[in-house]
Amino acid sequence: MGGGTILILLLSIFMNLDQHVAQATNLVFFIPTAISAIIISIKNKNIEWKVAIPIVIFGIIGATISANISAYMNVKLLKKLFGIFLLIIASYEIYSWYKMYIKEKSSHTNNKNNT
């Protein structure tokens, strides 16, 4: 989960903004940050263009389709779908953290037994 996800959540809950407005506000903050990150990554030669180009193309297509769908969607339904999305991402993060913790704990235990 990134800062944009948290920003949308805070804007919609505490500022009582419609989901559409919260998501648009998030984009206003995200675009300049993303552009500066891309410029720095290009200067540092950290981009694998063969991987990046398909991701960018399909990302633009997906974002365009999603924006058009959400523009006509009921705000309550959009909020529910966003909540489900957050639950899925949070579950994945918790699972990843737990899996990493178990691996770290077992490798630490194995190292103790080997010494």
N, C-alpha and C. Protein backbone atom coordinates (compact mmCIF):
# COMPACT_ATOMS: atom_id res chain seq x y z
N MET A 1 0.85 -1.17 0.00
CA MET A 1 0.00 0.00 0.00
C MET A 1 0.89 1.23 0.00
N GLY A 2 0.61 2.13 -0.87
CA GLY A 2 1.40 3.34 -0.96
C GLY A 2 0.71 4.53 -0.34
N GLY A 3 1.39 5.65 -0.41
CA GLY A 3 0.86 6.89 0.16
C GLY A 3 -0.42 7.36 -0.51
N GLY A 4 -0.55 7.08 -1.82
CA GLY A 4 -1.76 7.48 -2.54
C GLY A 4 -2.99 6.78 -2.02
N THR A 5 -2.84 5.51 -1.66
CA THR A 5 -3.95 4.75 -1.11
C THR A 5 -4.38 5.35 0.22
N ILE A 6 -3.42 5.69 1.04
CA ILE A 6 -3.71 6.31 2.33
C ILE A 6 -4.35 7.68 2.12
N LEU A 7 -3.83 8.46 1.17
CA LEU A 7 -4.37 9.79 0.89
C LEU A 7 -5.83 9.71 0.47
N ILE A 8 -6.17 8.77 -0.40
CA ILE A 8 -7.56 8.61 -0.84
C ILE A 8 -8.44 8.26 0.35
N LEU A 9 -7.97 7.35 1.17
CA LEU A 9 -8.73 6.94 2.35
C LEU A 9 -8.96 8.13 3.29
N LEU A 10 -7.91 8.89 3.57
CA LEU A 10 -8.04 10.04 4.47
C LEU A 10 -8.94 11.13 3.89
N LEU A 11 -8.80 11.41 2.60
CA LEU A 11 -9.63 12.44 1.98
C LEU A 11 -11.11 12.05 1.97
N SER A 12 -11.38 10.77 1.74
CA SER A 12 -12.78 10.36 1.67
C SER A 12 -13.42 10.22 3.05
N ILE A 13 -12.65 9.82 4.05
CA ILE A 13 -13.22 9.62 5.39
C ILE A 13 -13.21 10.92 6.20
N PHE A 14 -12.03 11.54 6.33
CA PHE A 14 -11.91 12.68 7.23
C PHE A 14 -12.29 14.01 6.58
N MET A 15 -12.05 14.15 5.29
CA MET A 15 -12.41 15.39 4.61
C MET A 15 -13.78 15.29 3.96
N ASN A 16 -14.38 14.10 4.01
CA ASN A 16 -15.71 13.85 3.49
C ASN A 16 -15.85 14.19 2.00
N LEU A 17 -14.78 13.95 1.24
CA LEU A 17 -14.81 14.18 -0.19
C LEU A 17 -15.39 12.95 -0.89
N ASP A 18 -16.05 13.16 -2.02
CA ASP A 18 -16.51 12.04 -2.83
C ASP A 18 -15.30 11.24 -3.29
N GLN A 19 -15.52 9.96 -3.50
CA GLN A 19 -14.44 9.08 -3.93
C GLN A 19 -13.80 9.57 -5.23
N HIS A 20 -14.61 10.06 -6.15
CA HIS A 20 -14.09 10.56 -7.42
C HIS A 20 -13.13 11.73 -7.20
N VAL A 21 -13.50 12.65 -6.32
CA VAL A 21 -12.66 13.82 -6.05
C VAL A 21 -11.38 13.40 -5.32
N ALA A 22 -11.49 12.48 -4.39
CA ALA A 22 -10.32 11.99 -3.65
C ALA A 22 -9.32 11.34 -4.60
N GLN A 23 -9.82 10.52 -5.52
CA GLN A 23 -8.93 9.86 -6.48
C GLN A 23 -8.29 10.87 -7.43
N ALA A 24 -9.04 11.86 -7.86
CA ALA A 24 -8.48 12.89 -8.74
C ALA A 24 -7.42 13.71 -8.00
N THR A 25 -7.68 14.02 -6.74
CA THR A 25 -6.70 14.76 -5.93
C THR A 25 -5.42 13.95 -5.79
N ASN A 26 -5.56 12.65 -5.58
CA ASN A 26 -4.39 11.78 -5.49
C ASN A 26 -3.56 11.85 -6.76
N LEU A 27 -4.22 11.88 -7.92
CA LEU A 27 -3.50 11.96 -9.19
C LEU A 27 -2.72 13.27 -9.31
N VAL A 28 -3.30 14.35 -8.80
CA VAL A 28 -2.61 15.65 -8.85
C VAL A 28 -1.29 15.57 -8.09
N PHE A 29 -1.28 14.85 -6.97
CA PHE A 29 -0.04 14.69 -6.20
C PHE A 29 0.89 13.67 -6.83
N PHE A 30 0.33 12.64 -7.43
CA PHE A 30 1.12 11.52 -7.93
C PHE A 30 1.89 11.86 -9.20
N ILE A 31 1.27 12.55 -10.13
CA ILE A 31 1.88 12.78 -11.45
C ILE A 31 3.22 13.51 -11.37
N PRO A 32 3.33 14.65 -10.67
CA PRO A 32 4.66 15.31 -10.60
C PRO A 32 5.72 14.43 -9.93
N THR A 33 5.32 13.70 -8.91
CA THR A 33 6.27 12.82 -8.21
C THR A 33 6.75 11.72 -9.15
N ALA A 34 5.82 11.13 -9.89
CA ALA A 34 6.18 10.06 -10.82
C ALA A 34 7.09 10.57 -11.93
N ILE A 35 6.80 11.75 -12.45
CA ILE A 35 7.64 12.32 -13.52
C ILE A 35 9.06 12.56 -13.02
N SER A 36 9.19 13.13 -11.82
CA SER A 36 10.55 13.37 -11.31
C SER A 36 11.27 12.06 -11.03
N ALA A 37 10.55 11.03 -10.56
CA ALA A 37 11.18 9.72 -10.33
C ALA A 37 11.64 9.09 -11.64
N ILE A 38 10.84 9.25 -12.69
CA ILE A 38 11.23 8.72 -14.00
C ILE A 38 12.48 9.41 -14.51
N ILE A 39 12.53 10.74 -14.39
CA ILE A 39 13.70 11.50 -14.86
C ILE A 39 14.95 11.05 -14.14
N ILE A 40 14.87 10.91 -12.83
CA ILE A 40 16.04 10.48 -12.04
C ILE A 40 16.44 9.05 -12.40
N SER A 41 15.45 8.18 -12.58
CA SER A 41 15.75 6.78 -12.94
C SER A 41 16.38 6.68 -14.32
N ILE A 42 15.94 7.52 -15.25
CA ILE A 42 16.56 7.53 -16.59
C ILE A 42 18.00 8.01 -16.50
N LYS A 43 18.24 9.08 -15.74
CA LYS A 43 19.61 9.59 -15.57
C LYS A 43 20.53 8.56 -14.94
N ASN A 44 20.00 7.80 -13.98
CA ASN A 44 20.80 6.78 -13.30
C ASN A 44 20.83 5.44 -14.03
N LYS A 45 20.18 5.38 -15.19
CA LYS A 45 20.11 4.17 -16.01
C LYS A 45 19.57 2.97 -15.22
N ASN A 46 18.49 3.21 -14.49
CA ASN A 46 17.87 2.17 -13.67
C ASN A 46 16.63 1.55 -14.31
N ILE A 47 16.35 1.89 -15.54
CA ILE A 47 15.14 1.39 -16.20
C ILE A 47 15.50 0.33 -17.22
N GLU A 48 14.82 -0.82 -17.13
CA GLU A 48 14.95 -1.86 -18.14
C GLU A 48 13.83 -1.61 -19.15
N TRP A 49 14.18 -1.02 -20.28
CA TRP A 49 13.19 -0.56 -21.24
C TRP A 49 12.34 -1.68 -21.82
N LYS A 50 12.90 -2.87 -21.99
CA LYS A 50 12.13 -3.99 -22.53
C LYS A 50 11.00 -4.40 -21.59
N VAL A 51 11.19 -4.19 -20.31
CA VAL A 51 10.16 -4.49 -19.32
C VAL A 51 9.23 -3.28 -19.14
N ALA A 52 9.82 -2.10 -19.12
CA ALA A 52 9.06 -0.88 -18.80
C ALA A 52 8.05 -0.50 -19.87
N ILE A 53 8.40 -0.64 -21.14
CA ILE A 53 7.50 -0.19 -22.21
C ILE A 53 6.17 -0.94 -22.21
N PRO A 54 6.15 -2.28 -22.15
CA PRO A 54 4.84 -2.96 -22.08
C PRO A 54 4.04 -2.58 -20.83
N ILE A 55 4.73 -2.41 -19.71
CA ILE A 55 4.03 -2.02 -18.48
C ILE A 55 3.39 -0.65 -18.65
N VAL A 56 4.11 0.29 -19.24
CA VAL A 56 3.57 1.63 -19.46
C VAL A 56 2.38 1.58 -20.41
N ILE A 57 2.51 0.85 -21.50
CA ILE A 57 1.41 0.78 -22.48
C ILE A 57 0.15 0.19 -21.85
N PHE A 58 0.29 -0.95 -21.20
CA PHE A 58 -0.89 -1.58 -20.60
C PHE A 58 -1.39 -0.79 -19.39
N GLY A 59 -0.50 -0.11 -18.68
CA GLY A 59 -0.92 0.75 -17.58
C GLY A 59 -1.78 1.91 -18.06
N ILE A 60 -1.38 2.53 -19.16
CA ILE A 60 -2.16 3.63 -19.73
C ILE A 60 -3.52 3.13 -20.22
N ILE A 61 -3.52 1.99 -20.89
CA ILE A 61 -4.79 1.42 -21.36
C ILE A 61 -5.71 1.10 -20.17
N GLY A 62 -5.16 0.44 -19.16
CA GLY A 62 -5.96 0.09 -17.98
C GLY A 62 -6.46 1.31 -17.23
N ALA A 63 -5.61 2.32 -17.09
CA ALA A 63 -6.01 3.54 -16.39
C ALA A 63 -7.12 4.27 -17.14
N THR A 64 -7.01 4.32 -18.46
CA THR A 64 -8.03 4.98 -19.28
C THR A 64 -9.37 4.27 -19.17
N ILE A 65 -9.35 2.95 -19.30
CA ILE A 65 -10.58 2.18 -19.19
C ILE A 65 -11.18 2.32 -17.79
N SER A 66 -10.35 2.20 -16.76
CA SER A 66 -10.82 2.31 -15.39
C SER A 66 -11.39 3.69 -15.09
N ALA A 67 -10.73 4.73 -15.57
CA ALA A 67 -11.22 6.10 -15.34
C ALA A 67 -12.58 6.30 -15.99
N ASN A 68 -12.76 5.79 -17.20
CA ASN A 68 -14.05 5.92 -17.87
C ASN A 68 -15.14 5.13 -17.15
N ILE A 69 -14.81 3.96 -16.67
CA ILE A 69 -15.81 3.16 -15.93
C ILE A 69 -16.17 3.85 -14.62
N SER A 70 -15.17 4.30 -13.87
CA SER A 70 -15.44 4.90 -12.56
C SER A 70 -16.15 6.25 -12.67
N ALA A 71 -16.00 6.95 -13.77
CA ALA A 71 -16.67 8.24 -13.94
C ALA A 71 -18.18 8.08 -13.96
N TYR A 72 -18.65 6.95 -14.42
CA TYR A 72 -20.09 6.70 -14.51
C TYR A 72 -20.61 5.80 -13.39
N MET A 73 -19.72 5.44 -12.48
CA MET A 73 -20.09 4.52 -11.42
C MET A 73 -20.67 5.27 -10.22
N ASN A 74 -21.59 4.64 -9.54
CA ASN A 74 -22.17 5.17 -8.32
C ASN A 74 -21.06 5.33 -7.27
N VAL A 75 -21.05 6.44 -6.54
CA VAL A 75 -20.00 6.72 -5.56
C VAL A 75 -19.99 5.67 -4.45
N LYS A 76 -21.15 5.24 -4.00
CA LYS A 76 -21.20 4.23 -2.93
C LYS A 76 -20.59 2.91 -3.39
N LEU A 77 -20.89 2.52 -4.62
CA LEU A 77 -20.31 1.29 -5.16
C LEU A 77 -18.80 1.43 -5.31
N LEU A 78 -18.35 2.59 -5.78
CA LEU A 78 -16.92 2.84 -5.94
C LEU A 78 -16.21 2.75 -4.59
N LYS A 79 -16.82 3.31 -3.54
CA LYS A 79 -16.23 3.23 -2.19
C LYS A 79 -16.13 1.79 -1.72
N LYS A 80 -17.18 1.01 -1.97
CA LYS A 80 -17.15 -0.41 -1.56
C LYS A 80 -16.07 -1.17 -2.30
N LEU A 81 -15.98 -0.95 -3.60
CA LEU A 81 -14.94 -1.63 -4.39
C LEU A 81 -13.55 -1.22 -3.94
N PHE A 82 -13.37 0.07 -3.63
CA PHE A 82 -12.07 0.54 -3.13
C PHE A 82 -11.76 -0.11 -1.78
N GLY A 83 -12.76 -0.25 -0.93
CA GLY A 83 -12.57 -0.92 0.36
C GLY A 83 -12.16 -2.37 0.18
N ILE A 84 -12.80 -3.07 -0.76
CA ILE A 84 -12.43 -4.46 -1.05
C ILE A 84 -11.00 -4.53 -1.56
N PHE A 85 -10.65 -3.59 -2.44
CA PHE A 85 -9.27 -3.52 -2.95
C PHE A 85 -8.28 -3.35 -1.79
N LEU A 86 -8.59 -2.44 -0.86
CA LEU A 86 -7.71 -2.22 0.28
C LEU A 86 -7.58 -3.48 1.14
N LEU A 87 -8.67 -4.19 1.34
CA LEU A 87 -8.62 -5.43 2.13
C LEU A 87 -7.75 -6.48 1.45
N ILE A 88 -7.86 -6.59 0.14
CA ILE A 88 -7.04 -7.56 -0.60
C ILE A 88 -5.56 -7.19 -0.48
N ILE A 89 -5.23 -5.91 -0.69
CA ILE A 89 -3.84 -5.47 -0.59
C ILE A 89 -3.31 -5.66 0.83
N ALA A 90 -4.12 -5.30 1.83
CA ALA A 90 -3.69 -5.47 3.23
C ALA A 90 -3.46 -6.93 3.56
N SER A 91 -4.35 -7.80 3.08
CA SER A 91 -4.19 -9.25 3.33
C SER A 91 -2.91 -9.76 2.71
N TYR A 92 -2.64 -9.33 1.49
CA TYR A 92 -1.41 -9.75 0.81
C TYR A 92 -0.18 -9.26 1.57
N GLU A 93 -0.22 -8.01 2.03
CA GLU A 93 0.93 -7.46 2.77
C GLU A 93 1.16 -8.22 4.08
N ILE A 94 0.08 -8.53 4.77
CA ILE A 94 0.20 -9.28 6.03
C ILE A 94 0.75 -10.68 5.76
N TYR A 95 0.24 -11.33 4.72
CA TYR A 95 0.74 -12.66 4.34
C TYR A 95 2.22 -12.60 3.98
N SER A 96 2.63 -11.60 3.20
CA SER A 96 4.03 -11.46 2.81
C SER A 96 4.91 -11.23 4.03
N TRP A 97 4.46 -10.37 4.93
CA TRP A 97 5.23 -10.09 6.14
C TRP A 97 5.36 -11.36 6.98
N TYR A 98 4.25 -12.08 7.14
CA TYR A 98 4.26 -13.31 7.93
C TYR A 98 5.19 -14.35 7.32
N LYS A 99 5.10 -14.51 6.00
CA LYS A 99 5.95 -15.47 5.30
C LYS A 99 7.43 -15.11 5.47
N MET A 100 7.75 -13.82 5.36
CA MET A 100 9.13 -13.38 5.53
C MET A 100 9.58 -13.59 6.97
N TYR A 101 8.70 -13.30 7.93
CA TYR A 101 9.04 -13.47 9.34
C TYR A 101 9.31 -14.93 9.66
N ILE A 102 8.49 -15.83 9.13
CA ILE A 102 8.68 -17.27 9.38
C ILE A 102 10.01 -17.73 8.77
N LYS A 103 10.33 -17.29 7.55
CA LYS A 103 11.60 -17.66 6.92
C LYS A 103 12.77 -17.14 7.74
N GLU A 104 12.68 -15.88 8.17
CA GLU A 104 13.76 -15.27 8.94
C GLU A 104 13.93 -15.99 10.27
N LYS A 105 12.82 -16.33 10.90
CA LYS A 105 12.88 -17.01 12.19
C LYS A 105 13.47 -18.41 12.04
N SER A 106 13.07 -19.13 10.97
CA SER A 106 13.60 -20.49 10.78
C SER A 106 15.07 -20.46 10.40
N SER A 107 15.49 -19.47 9.61
CA SER A 107 16.92 -19.40 9.26
C SER A 107 17.75 -18.99 10.47
N HIS A 108 17.17 -18.15 11.33
CA HIS A 108 17.87 -17.75 12.56
C HIS A 108 18.01 -18.96 13.49
N THR A 109 16.96 -19.77 13.58
CA THR A 109 16.99 -20.98 14.41
C THR A 109 18.01 -21.98 13.85
N ASN A 110 18.03 -22.13 12.53
CA ASN A 110 18.99 -23.05 11.89
C ASN A 110 20.42 -22.59 12.13
N ASN A 111 20.67 -21.28 12.08
CA ASN A 111 22.01 -20.75 12.32
C ASN A 111 22.45 -21.00 13.76
N LYS A 112 21.53 -20.90 14.71
CA LYS A 112 21.86 -21.16 16.11
C LYS A 112 22.22 -22.63 16.31
N ASN A 113 21.46 -23.50 15.64
CA ASN A 113 21.72 -24.94 15.77
C ASN A 113 23.03 -25.36 15.12
N ASN A 114 23.46 -24.63 14.08
CA ASN A 114 24.70 -24.97 13.38
C ASN A 114 25.94 -24.51 14.11
N THR A 115 25.80 -23.57 15.04
CA THR A 115 26.99 -23.07 15.75
C THR A 115 27.25 -23.76 17.03
